[in-house]
């Protein structure tokens, strides 16, 4: 729930409880990460959603494992799961930074959920 500092009115709400949540500096964008955080079950498909992008309380984009990887073999096996990467948080340009297996980083527009730049 985001409340206006001046009027004390609720501006927007994202229902539910979320383990992995990132709020942009301007308070307009929120990204909800997969409940398992950076680990997924070994038997999950690449169609598994792992990030949900909201702009002012409205879902605008969902990122699936298939949007980041071509094959499950690209994920790193742990003792019991597959490691897909980390959500590092927002940068000063209001982009969500995602670090993939192998260290590659992606900057994603917080308002649209679309990748804007790739970093080696």
PDB file of N, CA and C in Angstrom:
ATOM      1  N   UNK A   1       0.843  -1.160   0.000  1.00  0.00           N
ATOM      2  CA  UNK A   1       0.000   0.000   0.000  1.00  0.00           C
ATOM      3  C   UNK A   1       0.897   1.235   0.000  1.00  0.00           C
ATOM      4  N   UNK A   2       0.619   2.166  -0.901  1.00  0.00           N
ATOM      5  CA  UNK A   2       1.355   3.424  -0.965  1.00  0.00           C
ATOM      6  C   UNK A   2       0.401   4.543  -0.556  1.00  0.00           C
ATOM      7  N   UNK A   3       0.833   5.333   0.426  1.00  0.00           N
ATOM      8  CA  UNK A   3       0.005   6.411   0.978  1.00  0.00           C
ATOM      9  C   UNK A   3       0.672   7.746   0.672  1.00  0.00           C
ATOM     10  N   UNK A   4      -0.133   8.716   0.240  1.00  0.00           N
ATOM     11  CA  UNK A   4       0.370  10.059  -0.025  1.00  0.00           C
ATOM     12  C   UNK A   4       0.858  10.685   1.266  1.00  0.00           C
ATOM     13  N   UNK A   5       2.081  11.219   1.230  1.00  0.00           N
ATOM     14  CA  UNK A   5       2.659  11.844   2.411  1.00  0.00           C
ATOM     15  C   UNK A   5       1.879  13.100   2.816  1.00  0.00           C
ATOM     16  N   UNK A   6       1.415  13.860   1.831  1.00  0.00           N
ATOM     17  CA  UNK A   6       0.723  15.116   2.125  1.00  0.00           C
ATOM     18  C   UNK A   6      -0.745  14.931   2.487  1.00  0.00           C
ATOM     19  N   UNK A   7      -1.486  14.130   1.715  1.00  0.00           N
ATOM     20  CA  UNK A   7      -2.926  13.993   1.960  1.00  0.00           C
ATOM     21  C   UNK A   7      -3.285  12.798   2.840  1.00  0.00           C
ATOM     22  N   UNK A   8      -2.320  11.900   3.063  1.00  0.00           N
ATOM     23  CA  UNK A   8      -2.534  10.678   3.855  1.00  0.00           C
ATOM     24  C   UNK A   8      -3.550   9.725   3.218  1.00  0.00           C
ATOM     25  N   UNK A   9      -3.827   9.888   1.918  1.00  0.00           N
ATOM     26  CA  UNK A   9      -4.746   9.015   1.200  1.00  0.00           C
ATOM     27  C   UNK A   9      -3.980   7.864   0.566  1.00  0.00           C
ATOM     28  N   UNK A  10      -4.649   6.731   0.456  1.00  0.00           N
ATOM     29  CA  UNK A  10      -4.068   5.567  -0.211  1.00  0.00           C
ATOM     30  C   UNK A  10      -4.020   5.861  -1.706  1.00  0.00           C
ATOM     31  N   UNK A  11      -2.826   5.772  -2.293  1.00  0.00           N
ATOM     32  CA  UNK A  11      -2.670   6.026  -3.718  1.00  0.00           C
ATOM     33  C   UNK A  11      -2.906   4.765  -4.542  1.00  0.00           C
ATOM     34  N   UNK A  12      -2.384   3.639  -4.076  1.00  0.00           N
ATOM     35  CA  UNK A  12      -2.618   2.367  -4.727  1.00  0.00           C
ATOM     36  C   UNK A  12      -2.219   1.228  -3.801  1.00  0.00           C
ATOM     37  N   UNK A  13      -2.737   0.038  -4.142  1.00  0.00           N
ATOM     38  CA  UNK A  13      -2.522  -1.151  -3.304  1.00  0.00           C
ATOM     39  C   UNK A  13      -2.154  -2.331  -4.203  1.00  0.00           C
ATOM     40  N   UNK A  14      -1.213  -3.121  -3.742  1.00  0.00           N
ATOM     41  CA  UNK A  14      -0.947  -4.424  -4.345  1.00  0.00           C
ATOM     42  C   UNK A  14      -1.316  -5.442  -3.272  1.00  0.00           C
ATOM     43  N   UNK A  15      -2.359  -6.234  -3.511  1.00  0.00           N
ATOM     44  CA  UNK A  15      -2.825  -7.159  -2.475  1.00  0.00           C
ATOM     45  C   UNK A  15      -1.841  -8.295  -2.212  1.00  0.00           C
ATOM     46  N   UNK A  16      -1.945  -8.852  -1.019  1.00  0.00           N
ATOM     47  CA  UNK A  16      -1.160 -10.023  -0.668  1.00  0.00           C
ATOM     48  C   UNK A  16       0.094  -9.702   0.111  1.00  0.00           C
ATOM     49  N   UNK A  17       0.743 -10.768   0.522  1.00  0.00           N
ATOM     50  CA  UNK A  17       2.018 -10.684   1.220  1.00  0.00           C
ATOM     51  C   UNK A  17       3.071 -11.210   0.269  1.00  0.00           C
ATOM     52  N   UNK A  18       4.230 -10.523   0.215  1.00  0.00           N
ATOM     53  CA  UNK A  18       5.259 -10.909  -0.738  1.00  0.00           C
ATOM     54  C   UNK A  18       6.617 -10.966  -0.052  1.00  0.00           C
ATOM     55  N   UNK A  19       7.332 -12.047  -0.289  1.00  0.00           N
ATOM     56  CA  UNK A  19       8.629 -12.279   0.325  1.00  0.00           C
ATOM     57  C   UNK A  19       9.725 -11.401  -0.282  1.00  0.00           C
ATOM     58  N   UNK A  20       9.654 -11.155  -1.591  1.00  0.00           N
ATOM     59  CA  UNK A  20      10.719 -10.459  -2.315  1.00  0.00           C
ATOM     60  C   UNK A  20      10.092  -9.304  -3.073  1.00  0.00           C
ATOM     61  N   UNK A  21      10.175  -8.103  -2.525  1.00  0.00           N
ATOM     62  CA  UNK A  21       9.492  -6.930  -3.069  1.00  0.00           C
ATOM     63  C   UNK A  21      10.472  -5.772  -3.193  1.00  0.00           C
ATOM     64  N   UNK A  22      10.424  -5.088  -4.327  1.00  0.00           N
ATOM     65  CA  UNK A  22      11.314  -3.958  -4.589  1.00  0.00           C
ATOM     66  C   UNK A  22      10.469  -2.758  -4.979  1.00  0.00           C
ATOM     67  N   UNK A  23      10.656  -1.625  -4.288  1.00  0.00           N
ATOM     68  CA  UNK A  23       9.915  -0.407  -4.553  1.00  0.00           C
ATOM     69  C   UNK A  23      10.886   0.621  -5.128  1.00  0.00           C
ATOM     70  N   UNK A  24      10.485   1.253  -6.230  1.00  0.00           N
ATOM     71  CA  UNK A  24      11.338   2.263  -6.861  1.00  0.00           C
ATOM     72  C   UNK A  24      11.440   3.490  -5.961  1.00  0.00           C
ATOM     73  N   UNK A  25      12.463   4.301  -6.195  1.00  0.00           N
ATOM     74  CA  UNK A  25      12.682   5.500  -5.386  1.00  0.00           C
ATOM     75  C   UNK A  25      11.519   6.475  -5.459  1.00  0.00           C
ATOM     76  N   UNK A  26      10.834   6.541  -6.608  1.00  0.00           N
ATOM     77  CA  UNK A  26       9.712   7.471  -6.732  1.00  0.00           C
ATOM     78  C   UNK A  26       8.404   6.899  -6.181  1.00  0.00           C
ATOM     79  N   UNK A  27       8.405   5.636  -5.753  1.00  0.00           N
ATOM     80  CA  UNK A  27       7.232   5.025  -5.153  1.00  0.00           C
ATOM     81  C   UNK A  27       6.139   4.653  -6.130  1.00  0.00           C
ATOM     82  N   UNK A  28       6.382   4.794  -7.424  1.00  0.00           N
ATOM     83  CA  UNK A  28       5.354   4.486  -8.419  1.00  0.00           C
ATOM     84  C   UNK A  28       5.455   3.062  -8.952  1.00  0.00           C
ATOM     85  N   UNK A  29       6.630   2.491  -8.902  1.00  0.00           N
ATOM     86  CA  UNK A  29       6.841   1.163  -9.464  1.00  0.00           C
ATOM     87  C   UNK A  29       7.233   0.177  -8.374  1.00  0.00           C
ATOM     88  N   UNK A  30       6.702  -1.025  -8.512  1.00  0.00           N
ATOM     89  CA  UNK A  30       7.006  -2.109  -7.580  1.00  0.00           C
ATOM     90  C   UNK A  30       7.264  -3.365  -8.404  1.00  0.00           C
ATOM     91  N   UNK A  31       8.278  -4.109  -8.007  1.00  0.00           N
ATOM     92  CA  UNK A  31       8.543  -5.403  -8.625  1.00  0.00           C
ATOM     93  C   UNK A  31       8.445  -6.458  -7.534  1.00  0.00           C
ATOM     94  N   UNK A  32       7.647  -7.460  -7.811  1.00  0.00           N
ATOM     95  CA  UNK A  32       7.513  -8.586  -6.895  1.00  0.00           C
ATOM     96  C   UNK A  32       8.284  -9.747  -7.494  1.00  0.00           C
ATOM     97  N   UNK A  33       9.225 -10.273  -6.721  1.00  0.00           N
ATOM     98  CA  UNK A  33      10.019 -11.410  -7.164  1.00  0.00           C
ATOM     99  C   UNK A  33       9.383 -12.724  -6.754  1.00  0.00           C
ATOM    100  N   UNK A  34       9.812 -13.770  -7.391  1.00  0.00           N
ATOM    101  CA  UNK A  34       9.364 -15.140  -7.136  1.00  0.00           C
ATOM    102  C   UNK A  34       9.510 -15.468  -5.648  1.00  0.00           C
ATOM    103  N   UNK A  35       8.521 -16.148  -5.078  1.00  0.00           N
ATOM    104  CA  UNK A  35       8.541 -16.478  -3.644  1.00  0.00           C
ATOM    105  C   UNK A  35       9.772 -17.283  -3.245  1.00  0.00           C
ATOM    106  N   UNK A  36      10.298 -18.080  -4.144  1.00  0.00           N
ATOM    107  CA  UNK A  36      11.507 -18.852  -3.863  1.00  0.00           C
ATOM    108  C   UNK A  36      12.764 -18.025  -4.030  1.00  0.00           C
ATOM    109  N   UNK A  37      12.569 -16.751  -4.279  1.00  0.00           N
ATOM    110  CA  UNK A  37      13.637 -15.780  -4.495  1.00  0.00           C
ATOM    111  C   UNK A  37      14.508 -16.201  -5.679  1.00  0.00           C
ATOM    112  N   UNK A  38      15.781 -16.421  -5.468  1.00  0.00           N
ATOM    113  CA  UNK A  38      16.679 -16.703  -6.589  1.00  0.00           C
ATOM    114  C   UNK A  38      16.819 -18.199  -6.895  1.00  0.00           C
ATOM    115  N   UNK A  39      15.998 -19.026  -6.259  1.00  0.00           N
ATOM    116  CA  UNK A  39      16.027 -20.474  -6.483  1.00  0.00           C
ATOM    117  C   UNK A  39      14.667 -20.956  -6.970  1.00  0.00           C
ATOM    118  N   UNK A  40      14.674 -21.829  -7.966  1.00  0.00           N
ATOM    119  CA  UNK A  40      13.439 -22.447  -8.452  1.00  0.00           C
ATOM    120  C   UNK A  40      13.578 -23.959  -8.342  1.00  0.00           C
ATOM    121  N   UNK A  41      12.443 -24.647  -8.271  1.00  0.00           N
ATOM    122  CA  UNK A  41      12.458 -26.106  -8.229  1.00  0.00           C
ATOM    123  C   UNK A  41      13.062 -26.651  -9.512  1.00  0.00           C
ATOM    124  N   UNK A  42      13.760 -27.761  -9.403  1.00  0.00           N
ATOM    125  CA  UNK A  42      14.430 -28.352 -10.558  1.00  0.00           C
ATOM    126  C   UNK A  42      13.461 -28.803 -11.641  1.00  0.00           C
ATOM    127  N   UNK A  43      12.215 -29.097 -11.261  1.00  0.00           N
ATOM    128  CA  UNK A  43      11.255 -29.590 -12.255  1.00  0.00           C
ATOM    129  C   UNK A  43      10.369 -28.489 -12.851  1.00  0.00           C
ATOM    130  N   UNK A  44      10.592 -27.227 -12.500  1.00  0.00           N
ATOM    131  CA  UNK A  44       9.798 -26.145 -13.071  1.00  0.00           C
ATOM    132  C   UNK A  44      10.177 -25.910 -14.530  1.00  0.00           C
ATOM    133  N   UNK A  45       9.201 -25.462 -15.307  1.00  0.00           N
ATOM    134  CA  UNK A  45       9.475 -25.166 -16.714  1.00  0.00           C
ATOM    135  C   UNK A  45       9.989 -23.736 -16.860  1.00  0.00           C
ATOM    136  N   UNK A  46      10.513 -23.426 -18.021  1.00  0.00           N
ATOM    137  CA  UNK A  46      10.996 -22.072 -18.292  1.00  0.00           C
ATOM    138  C   UNK A  46       9.840 -21.068 -18.387  1.00  0.00           C
ATOM    139  N   UNK A  47       8.607 -21.557 -18.434  1.00  0.00           N
ATOM    140  CA  UNK A  47       7.450 -20.660 -18.446  1.00  0.00           C
ATOM    141  C   UNK A  47       7.139 -20.091 -17.062  1.00  0.00           C
ATOM    142  N   UNK A  48       7.894 -20.498 -16.053  1.00  0.00           N
ATOM    143  CA  UNK A  48       7.677 -20.032 -14.677  1.00  0.00           C
ATOM    144  C   UNK A  48       7.886 -18.518 -14.575  1.00  0.00           C
ATOM    145  N   UNK A  49       6.860 -17.768 -14.141  1.00  0.00           N
ATOM    146  CA  UNK A  49       7.056 -16.335 -13.891  1.00  0.00           C
ATOM    147  C   UNK A  49       7.942 -16.140 -12.667  1.00  0.00           C
ATOM    148  N   UNK A  50       8.899 -15.199 -12.775  1.00  0.00           N
ATOM    149  CA  UNK A  50       9.770 -14.947 -11.629  1.00  0.00           C
ATOM    150  C   UNK A  50       9.787 -13.486 -11.189  1.00  0.00           C
ATOM    151  N   UNK A  51       9.205 -12.587 -12.001  1.00  0.00           N
ATOM    152  CA  UNK A  51       9.105 -11.172 -11.617  1.00  0.00           C
ATOM    153  C   UNK A  51       7.818 -10.579 -12.161  1.00  0.00           C
ATOM    154  N   UNK A  52       7.177  -9.764 -11.325  1.00  0.00           N
ATOM    155  CA  UNK A  52       5.935  -9.101 -11.697  1.00  0.00           C
ATOM    156  C   UNK A  52       6.136  -7.600 -11.528  1.00  0.00           C
ATOM    157  N   UNK A  53       5.959  -6.840 -12.600  1.00  0.00           N
ATOM    158  CA  UNK A  53       6.179  -5.401 -12.593  1.00  0.00           C
ATOM    159  C   UNK A  53       4.849  -4.671 -12.480  1.00  0.00           C
ATOM    160  N   UNK A  54       4.749  -3.803 -11.486  1.00  0.00           N
ATOM    161  CA  UNK A  54       3.548  -3.006 -11.264  1.00  0.00           C
ATOM    162  C   UNK A  54       3.886  -1.534 -11.388  1.00  0.00           C
ATOM    163  N   UNK A  55       2.994  -0.793 -12.042  1.00  0.00           N
ATOM    164  CA  UNK A  55       3.105   0.663 -12.105  1.00  0.00           C
ATOM    165  C   UNK A  55       1.842   1.236 -11.483  1.00  0.00           C
ATOM    166  N   UNK A  56       2.015   1.936 -10.367  1.00  0.00           N
ATOM    167  CA  UNK A  56       0.884   2.528  -9.624  1.00  0.00           C
ATOM    168  C   UNK A  56      -0.215   1.510  -9.342  1.00  0.00           C
ATOM    169  N   UNK A  57       0.206   0.313  -8.946  1.00  0.00           N
ATOM    170  CA  UNK A  57      -0.733  -0.725  -8.533  1.00  0.00           C
ATOM    171  C   UNK A  57      -1.292  -1.577  -9.658  1.00  0.00           C
ATOM    172  N   UNK A  58      -0.894  -1.329 -10.896  1.00  0.00           N
ATOM    173  CA  UNK A  58      -1.410  -2.078 -12.041  1.00  0.00           C
ATOM    174  C   UNK A  58      -0.297  -2.955 -12.613  1.00  0.00           C
ATOM    175  N   UNK A  59      -0.580  -4.240 -12.773  1.00  0.00           N
ATOM    176  CA  UNK A  59       0.394  -5.162 -13.351  1.00  0.00           C
ATOM    177  C   UNK A  59       0.646  -4.765 -14.800  1.00  0.00           C
ATOM    178  N   UNK A  60       1.916  -4.497 -15.146  1.00  0.00           N
ATOM    179  CA  UNK A  60       2.252  -4.061 -16.510  1.00  0.00           C
ATOM    180  C   UNK A  60       3.095  -5.079 -17.267  1.00  0.00           C
ATOM    181  N   UNK A  61       3.795  -5.963 -16.561  1.00  0.00           N
ATOM    182  CA  UNK A  61       4.645  -6.934 -17.260  1.00  0.00           C
ATOM    183  C   UNK A  61       5.045  -8.058 -16.305  1.00  0.00           C
ATOM    184  N   UNK A  62       5.232  -9.230 -16.871  1.00  0.00           N
ATOM    185  CA  UNK A  62       5.720 -10.388 -16.127  1.00  0.00           C
ATOM    186  C   UNK A  62       6.937 -10.942 -16.860  1.00  0.00           C
ATOM    187  N   UNK A  63       7.995 -11.209 -16.117  1.00  0.00           N
ATOM    188  CA  UNK A  63       9.188 -11.840 -16.701  1.00  0.00           C
ATOM    189  C   UNK A  63       9.211 -13.298 -16.270  1.00  0.00           C
ATOM    190  N   UNK A  64       9.382 -14.178 -17.269  1.00  0.00           N
ATOM    191  CA  UNK A  64       9.479 -15.615 -17.024  1.00  0.00           C
ATOM    192  C   UNK A  64      10.930 -16.047 -17.163  1.00  0.00           C
ATOM    193  N   UNK A  65      11.260 -17.212 -16.677  1.00  0.00           N
ATOM    194  CA  UNK A  65      12.610 -17.749 -16.872  1.00  0.00           C
ATOM    195  C   UNK A  65      12.968 -17.787 -18.356  1.00  0.00           C
ATOM    196  N   UNK A  66      11.990 -18.106 -19.205  1.00  0.00           N
ATOM    197  CA  UNK A  66      12.233 -18.188 -20.647  1.00  0.00           C
ATOM    198  C   UNK A  66      12.604 -16.835 -21.249  1.00  0.00           C
ATOM    199  N   UNK A  67      12.280 -15.752 -20.584  1.00  0.00           N
ATOM    200  CA  UNK A  67      12.670 -14.432 -21.070  1.00  0.00           C
ATOM    201  C   UNK A  67      14.148 -14.161 -20.799  1.00  0.00           C
ATOM    202  N   UNK A  68      14.739 -14.945 -19.914  1.00  0.00           N
ATOM    203  CA  UNK A  68      16.134 -14.739 -19.518  1.00  0.00           C
ATOM    204  C   UNK A  68      17.069 -15.855 -19.987  1.00  0.00           C
ATOM    205  N   UNK A  69      16.521 -17.052 -20.187  1.00  0.00           N
ATOM    206  CA  UNK A  69      17.338 -18.218 -20.536  1.00  0.00           C
ATOM    207  C   UNK A  69      16.667 -19.028 -21.643  1.00  0.00           C
ATOM    208  N   UNK A  70      17.500 -19.649 -22.484  1.00  0.00           N
ATOM    209  CA  UNK A  70      16.989 -20.506 -23.557  1.00  0.00           C
ATOM    210  C   UNK A  70      16.750 -21.932 -23.084  1.00  0.00           C
ATOM    211  N   UNK A  71      17.524 -22.343 -22.052  1.00  0.00           N
ATOM    212  CA  UNK A  71      17.476 -23.730 -21.592  1.00  0.00           C
ATOM    213  C   UNK A  71      17.699 -23.780 -20.079  1.00  0.00           C
ATOM    214  N   UNK A  72      17.072 -24.755 -19.440  1.00  0.00           N
ATOM    215  CA  UNK A  72      17.298 -24.931 -18.000  1.00  0.00           C
ATOM    216  C   UNK A  72      18.746 -25.300 -17.699  1.00  0.00           C
ATOM    217  N   UNK A  73      19.457 -25.827 -18.686  1.00  0.00           N
ATOM    218  CA  UNK A  73      20.857 -26.182 -18.476  1.00  0.00           C
ATOM    219  C   UNK A  73      21.724 -24.944 -18.223  1.00  0.00           C
ATOM    220  N   UNK A  74      21.227 -23.760 -18.557  1.00  0.00           N
ATOM    221  CA  UNK A  74      21.955 -22.517 -18.302  1.00  0.00           C
ATOM    222  C   UNK A  74      21.866 -22.087 -16.837  1.00  0.00           C
ATOM    223  N   UNK A  75      20.914 -22.663 -16.108  1.00  0.00           N
ATOM    224  CA  UNK A  75      20.760 -22.348 -14.687  1.00  0.00           C
ATOM    225  C   UNK A  75      21.775 -23.141 -13.883  1.00  0.00           C
ATOM    226  N   UNK A  76      22.121 -22.645 -12.727  1.00  0.00           N
ATOM    227  CA  UNK A  76      23.129 -23.302 -11.887  1.00  0.00           C
ATOM    228  C   UNK A  76      22.445 -24.247 -10.904  1.00  0.00           C
ATOM    229  N   UNK A  77      22.844 -25.491 -10.938  1.00  0.00           N
ATOM    230  CA  UNK A  77      22.261 -26.496 -10.036  1.00  0.00           C
ATOM    231  C   UNK A  77      22.832 -26.320  -8.634  1.00  0.00           C
ATOM    232  N   UNK A  78      21.942 -26.357  -7.631  1.00  0.00           N
ATOM    233  CA  UNK A  78      22.362 -26.378  -6.233  1.00  0.00           C
ATOM    234  C   UNK A  78      22.049 -27.775  -5.701  1.00  0.00           C
ATOM    235  N   UNK A  79      22.181 -27.966  -4.404  1.00  0.00           N
ATOM    236  CA  UNK A  79      21.896 -29.284  -3.828  1.00  0.00           C
ATOM    237  C   UNK A  79      20.448 -29.706  -4.067  1.00  0.00           C
ATOM    238  N   UNK A  80      19.515 -28.750  -4.065  1.00  0.00           N
ATOM    239  CA  UNK A  80      18.114 -29.113  -4.176  1.00  0.00           C
ATOM    240  C   UNK A  80      17.315 -28.289  -5.187  1.00  0.00           C
ATOM    241  N   UNK A  81      17.887 -27.230  -5.740  1.00  0.00           N
ATOM    242  CA  UNK A  81      17.163 -26.317  -6.622  1.00  0.00           C
ATOM    243  C   UNK A  81      18.030 -25.897  -7.810  1.00  0.00           C
ATOM    244  N   UNK A  82      17.472 -24.964  -8.595  1.00  0.00           N
ATOM    245  CA  UNK A  82      18.225 -24.314  -9.656  1.00  0.00           C
ATOM    246  C   UNK A  82      18.319 -22.830  -9.322  1.00  0.00           C
ATOM    247  N   UNK A  83      19.524 -22.299  -9.380  1.00  0.00           N
ATOM    248  CA  UNK A  83      19.758 -20.881  -9.139  1.00  0.00           C
ATOM    249  C   UNK A  83      19.631 -20.156 -10.477  1.00  0.00           C
ATOM    250  N   UNK A  84      18.741 -19.147 -10.537  1.00  0.00           N
ATOM    251  CA  UNK A  84      18.540 -18.432 -11.795  1.00  0.00           C
ATOM    252  C   UNK A  84      19.220 -17.057 -11.822  1.00  0.00           C
ATOM    253  N   UNK A  85      19.559 -16.489 -10.673  1.00  0.00           N
ATOM    254  CA  UNK A  85      20.172 -15.164 -10.624  1.00  0.00           C
ATOM    255  C   UNK A  85      19.663 -14.388  -9.427  1.00  0.00           C
ATOM    256  N   UNK A  86      19.898 -13.063  -9.447  1.00  0.00           N
ATOM    257  CA  UNK A  86      19.482 -12.206  -8.326  1.00  0.00           C
ATOM    258  C   UNK A  86      18.878 -10.907  -8.822  1.00  0.00           C
ATOM    259  N   UNK A  87      17.906 -10.417  -8.079  1.00  0.00           N
ATOM    260  CA  UNK A  87      17.403  -9.066  -8.291  1.00  0.00           C
ATOM    261  C   UNK A  87      18.213  -8.183  -7.346  1.00  0.00           C
ATOM    262  N   UNK A  88      18.970  -7.263  -7.922  1.00  0.00           N
ATOM    263  CA  UNK A  88      19.871  -6.439  -7.114  1.00  0.00           C
ATOM    264  C   UNK A  88      19.197  -5.184  -6.577  1.00  0.00           C
ATOM    265  N   UNK A  89      18.137  -4.735  -7.214  1.00  0.00           N
ATOM    266  CA  UNK A  89      17.426  -3.541  -6.771  1.00  0.00           C
ATOM    267  C   UNK A  89      17.421  -2.473  -7.854  1.00  0.00           C
ATOM    268  N   UNK A  90      16.922  -1.302  -7.496  1.00  0.00           N
ATOM    269  CA  UNK A  90      16.801  -0.195  -8.444  1.00  0.00           C
ATOM    270  C   UNK A  90      18.061   0.653  -8.476  1.00  0.00           C
ATOM    271  N   UNK A  91      18.400   1.136  -9.672  1.00  0.00           N
ATOM    272  CA  UNK A  91      19.503   2.080  -9.798  1.00  0.00           C
ATOM    273  C   UNK A  91      18.941   3.508  -9.815  1.00  0.00           C
ATOM    274  N   UNK A  92      19.803   4.494 -10.000  1.00  0.00           N
ATOM    275  CA  UNK A  92      19.367   5.902  -9.972  1.00  0.00           C
ATOM    276  C   UNK A  92      18.503   6.287 -11.167  1.00  0.00           C
ATOM    277  N   UNK A  93      18.557   5.500 -12.227  1.00  0.00           N
ATOM    278  CA  UNK A  93      17.745   5.766 -13.414  1.00  0.00           C
ATOM    279  C   UNK A  93      16.384   5.074 -13.338  1.00  0.00           C
ATOM    280  N   UNK A  94      16.025   4.558 -12.163  1.00  0.00           N
ATOM    281  CA  UNK A  94      14.754   3.874 -11.927  1.00  0.00           C
ATOM    282  C   UNK A  94      14.640   2.594 -12.758  1.00  0.00           C
ATOM    283  N   UNK A  95      15.770   1.909 -12.940  1.00  0.00           N
ATOM    284  CA  UNK A  95      15.808   0.624 -13.618  1.00  0.00           C
ATOM    285  C   UNK A  95      16.077  -0.455 -12.577  1.00  0.00           C
ATOM    286  N   UNK A  96      15.400  -1.581 -12.732  1.00  0.00           N
ATOM    287  CA  UNK A  96      15.674  -2.724 -11.869  1.00  0.00           C
ATOM    288  C   UNK A  96      16.859  -3.472 -12.460  1.00  0.00           C
ATOM    289  N   UNK A  97      17.860  -3.753 -11.629  1.00  0.00           N
ATOM    290  CA  UNK A  97      19.049  -4.460 -12.092  1.00  0.00           C
ATOM    291  C   UNK A  97      18.933  -5.927 -11.692  1.00  0.00           C
ATOM    292  N   UNK A  98      19.078  -6.781 -12.690  1.00  0.00           N
ATOM    293  CA  UNK A  98      18.994  -8.230 -12.507  1.00  0.00           C
ATOM    294  C   UNK A  98      20.344  -8.820 -12.890  1.00  0.00           C
ATOM    295  N   UNK A  99      20.901  -9.657 -12.018  1.00  0.00           N
ATOM    296  CA  UNK A  99      22.152 -10.345 -12.332  1.00  0.00           C
ATOM    297  C   UNK A  99      21.857 -11.807 -12.607  1.00  0.00           C
ATOM    298  N   UNK A 100      22.232 -12.258 -13.789  1.00  0.00           N
ATOM    299  CA  UNK A 100      21.977 -13.631 -14.212  1.00  0.00           C
ATOM    300  C   UNK A 100      23.151 -14.540 -13.857  1.00  0.00           C
ATOM    301  N   UNK A 101      22.935 -15.836 -13.994  1.00  0.00           N
ATOM    302  CA  UNK A 101      24.001 -16.808 -13.806  1.00  0.00           C
ATOM    303  C   UNK A 101      25.145 -16.426 -14.742  1.00  0.00           C
ATOM    304  N   UNK A 102      26.355 -16.422 -14.232  1.00  0.00           N
ATOM    305  CA  UNK A 102      27.506 -16.046 -15.035  1.00  0.00           C
ATOM    306  C   UNK A 102      27.891 -14.586 -14.905  1.00  0.00           C
ATOM    307  N   UNK A 103      27.070 -13.801 -14.189  1.00  0.00           N
ATOM    308  CA  UNK A 103      27.421 -12.413 -13.915  1.00  0.00           C
ATOM    309  C   UNK A 103      26.870 -11.367 -14.860  1.00  0.00           C
ATOM    310  N   UNK A 104      26.215 -11.755 -15.938  1.00  0.00           N
ATOM    311  CA  UNK A 104      25.633 -10.770 -16.860  1.00  0.00           C
ATOM    312  C   UNK A 104      24.514 -10.021 -16.142  1.00  0.00           C
ATOM    313  N   UNK A 105      24.445  -8.708 -16.355  1.00  0.00           N
ATOM    314  CA  UNK A 105      23.422  -7.882 -15.707  1.00  0.00           C
ATOM    315  C   UNK A 105      22.503  -7.268 -16.749  1.00  0.00           C
ATOM    316  N   UNK A 106      21.229  -7.167 -16.391  1.00  0.00           N
ATOM    317  CA  UNK A 106      20.215  -6.570 -17.243  1.00  0.00           C
ATOM    318  C   UNK A 106      19.569  -5.426 -16.474  1.00  0.00           C
ATOM    319  N   UNK A 107      19.408  -4.280 -17.138  1.00  0.00           N
ATOM    320  CA  UNK A 107      18.692  -3.148 -16.566  1.00  0.00           C
ATOM    321  C   UNK A 107      17.295  -3.123 -17.183  1.00  0.00           C
ATOM    322  N   UNK A 108      16.255  -3.161 -16.341  1.00  0.00           N
ATOM    323  CA  UNK A 108      14.874  -3.247 -16.803  1.00  0.00           C
ATOM    324  C   UNK A 108      14.121  -1.989 -16.395  1.00  0.00           C
ATOM    325  N   UNK A 109      13.390  -1.402 -17.338  1.00  0.00           N
ATOM    326  CA  UNK A 109      12.582  -0.221 -17.056  1.00  0.00           C
ATOM    327  C   UNK A 109      11.518  -0.579 -16.024  1.00  0.00           C
ATOM    328  N   UNK A 110      11.469   0.155 -14.931  1.00  0.00           N
ATOM    329  CA  UNK A 110      10.551  -0.157 -13.839  1.00  0.00           C
ATOM    330  C   UNK A 110       9.090   0.044 -14.230  1.00  0.00           C
ATOM    331  N   UNK A 111       8.801   1.004 -15.106  1.00  0.00           N
ATOM    332  CA  UNK A 111       7.418   1.300 -15.488  1.00  0.00           C
ATOM    333  C   UNK A 111       6.855   0.317 -16.506  1.00  0.00           C
ATOM    334  N   UNK A 112       7.734  -0.289 -17.316  1.00  0.00           N
ATOM    335  CA  UNK A 112       7.256  -1.172 -18.381  1.00  0.00           C
ATOM    336  C   UNK A 112       7.633  -2.633 -18.197  1.00  0.00           C
ATOM    337  N   UNK A 113       8.705  -2.886 -17.445  1.00  0.00           N
ATOM    338  CA  UNK A 113       9.194  -4.249 -17.266  1.00  0.00           C
ATOM    339  C   UNK A 113      10.003  -4.751 -18.449  1.00  0.00           C
ATOM    340  N   UNK A 114      10.371  -3.859 -19.352  1.00  0.00           N
ATOM    341  CA  UNK A 114      11.136  -4.240 -20.546  1.00  0.00           C
ATOM    342  C   UNK A 114      12.617  -3.914 -20.369  1.00  0.00           C
ATOM    343  N   UNK A 115      13.471  -4.816 -20.869  1.00  0.00           N
ATOM    344  CA  UNK A 115      14.916  -4.617 -20.769  1.00  0.00           C
ATOM    345  C   UNK A 115      15.336  -3.400 -21.582  1.00  0.00           C
ATOM    346  N   UNK A 116      16.212  -2.580 -20.995  1.00  0.00           N
ATOM    347  CA  UNK A 116      16.706  -1.390 -21.668  1.00  0.00           C
ATOM    348  C   UNK A 116      18.171  -1.505 -22.039  1.00  0.00           C
ATOM    349  N   UNK A 117      18.919  -2.288 -21.278  1.00  0.00           N
ATOM    350  CA  UNK A 117      20.336  -2.437 -21.589  1.00  0.00           C
ATOM    351  C   UNK A 117      20.860  -3.728 -21.017  1.00  0.00           C
ATOM    352  N   UNK A 118      21.883  -4.229 -21.681  1.00  0.00           N
ATOM    353  CA  UNK A 118      22.544  -5.441 -21.239  1.00  0.00           C
ATOM    354  C   UNK A 118      23.982  -5.098 -20.884  1.00  0.00           C
ATOM    355  N   UNK A 119      24.484  -5.713 -19.844  1.00  0.00           N
ATOM    356  CA  UNK A 119      25.857  -5.470 -19.411  1.00  0.00           C
ATOM    357  C   UNK A 119      26.573  -6.811 -19.337  1.00  0.00           C
ATOM    358  N   UNK A 120      27.791  -6.868 -19.860  1.00  0.00           N
ATOM    359  CA  UNK A 120      28.545  -8.143 -19.801  1.00  0.00           C
ATOM    360  C   UNK A 120      28.882  -8.514 -18.373  1.00  0.00           C
TER     361      UNK A 120
END
